[in-house]
Amino acid sequence: MQTDIEIARLTPLQPIAAIAAKAGIPENAIEPYGRHKAKIDLAALPLSAMRAPGHLVLVTAISPTPAGEGKTTTSVGLADALNLTGRQTMLCLREPSLGPCFGQKGGATGGGRAQVVPMEDINLHFTGDFHAITTAHNLLAAMLDNHIHWGNALGVDVRRIVWRRALDMNDRALRQIVQSLGGTGNGYPRESGFDITVASEVMAILCLASDAADLRARLGRIIVGYTRQRQPITAHDLKADGAMAVLLADAIKPNLVQTLGGNPAFIHGGPFANIAHGCNSVIATRAALGLADYVVTEAGFGADLGAEKFFDIKCRQAGLAPAAVVIVATIRALKMNGGVAKADLGREDVDAVNRGAVNLIRHIENVRQFGVPAVVAVNHFATDSAAEFDAVQAITAAHGVQAIACRHWAEGGAGATALANAVAALAEGGSAQFAPLYDDDLPLLDKIRTVATRLYRAGSVAAEPAIIAQLAAFEAAGFGHLPVCIAKTQYSFSTDPALLGAPTGHTVHIREVRLAAGAGFVVAVCGEIMTMPGLPRVPAAEAIGFDADGRIEGLF
């Protein structure tokens, strides 16, 4: 069987100018990065090219398992299928992080005949956006330390510095560090650490900013630490926001590539959904909505994480109104939720499908709480039996949702036309009545509790008095209206990654809270989740290299 990278290489790619023309983007707005990818200067897009906003479709999934779900693959297949059925469609995805590419998860360009290409470029350095974000983040850290070294005119309390450094790589050794050893010329020793770039507030700001001016304003609001009187010190106070914005001048422009079906795709921004807000950029999404009849986007991991943050953070801040949701599931993943070991997933087991479907049902119920109609896409595997799929159809029908078998991995857009027609019927039916899960004026702890009890079905939320006091301090400082971004394991509705299915009555433990004043949300770090992941025992990097012809191999 051909690998994803082999399939991608066998498909002739169109020049990026042709893809831009297909999307209605004029040539003077294209800034080519080679022959098959480009930055788009939205300032050069004439207003006449923009139309009334198209239908926004979110692709989410059940809780991820080692069996695989294929959310990005389904997003690509759906976009190609909508175009095949005569509906002008653009795809909006996140950029892959190097951490998962060289770690365990692999890249994020889809699979089989439902991919965005050139997959090697996209999965590796692409157009340099992540490097620019990392550099801007670390410039702020350097300017903070430099300010203190040269006299500390702002009165930063070195015990209350909250800005860490960032790196786009899984490196557990950098989670907690002691910096500035070696004498006074190197600064002042203190404890600190690194977060992975996709968890950086700079990444979140780039993805939530509406334009370059908003980007700089948000960067200026980043809080890096506090004085002894507990007054915040911002990037603007350090006069770092201008230089940071300059570093991000190209990164803020959406990246245009194509699917294997020859359709346009914006790939821009890349926050994780388990430790950040998990959505591509507002700028790319809005531009696509002005260019196409349909926009397909995805949010990371399951509907309890990426979809919730898409609704409660991205849509709330950007004023977006999704028309339909696709929930991706596989029969293999449902059987794993039903207690079947990964090695045994190829055998028919209808009872396990029925047991594991509680996870899918929970996600259906959760999406329904936001007032958006949904359809279930069953990403087909060769080992799926007719009886197993019939069981899924019966289960979803009992909950008022259609389940559709999709073969886009093997057939591209042609394998997802039934899904495309079902999505179009939902979107054009106008039944969506989108509303976020909670109101702005709800106290921060109550916002966390609302998500935990209504979506995770937790019995309680536990937080030490110091954390409760910190949330109260955020509210007293004028940040109580912000939404919350819960960082927790993606593998379970609980904070225990081993608790599969649809657990209820568990306790969500808040370990830490962080204020992302520039991004415009409060992060609640729960359970044992890390904002700097580590590499697995056998990292994917061990299999990546060049073949005898000098071509990259091992990417997936």
Foldseek 3Di string as FASTA:
>chain_A
DDWFLRLLVVFDADFLCVQCVLLQHDPVQWADPPGFKTFGNPVPGDPVLFDAFAFEEEEFAFQDDPLDFFRLLVLQLLQLLLVVVPFFEEEEEAQFFQAQCFFPNFGRQTFAQRGWPPRVLRRPCNPPLLVLLQVLLVVLVVLVQVCVLVPVPVQFDPVWFDRAHEARHFDPVFAKDWDQPDDSVSGDTDIGGYFYSLLDLLLLLLQQAQDLVLSLVLQQQFFGGAHPVRHTDGSVNSVSSVVSSVSCVRLSTWMWGAHSSNHIYTHHGAHAQQNHQFFGHPNVSVVRRRRTNYYYTYGHGHCLTNVLSCQQARCVSNVDFHQEYEYTGELLQLLVLLPDDNVPSLDDDLPSNVQSCLSVVLRCQVVVLFQHYYAYEHEDDPSDDPSNVVSVQVVVVVVVHGYDYFDCSHVRNVRCNVVNVVRVCRRVVPRGDGDRQDALQDFQVVLVVSSLCSRLQEQEEDEDPVQVVVSVVCVVVPLRSFHERENADSCHSENDNVNGGRDHHHYWYFDHWDDSSSSGYIYTYTHPDGSRHHHDPDTLSVQWDADPVRDIDSGD
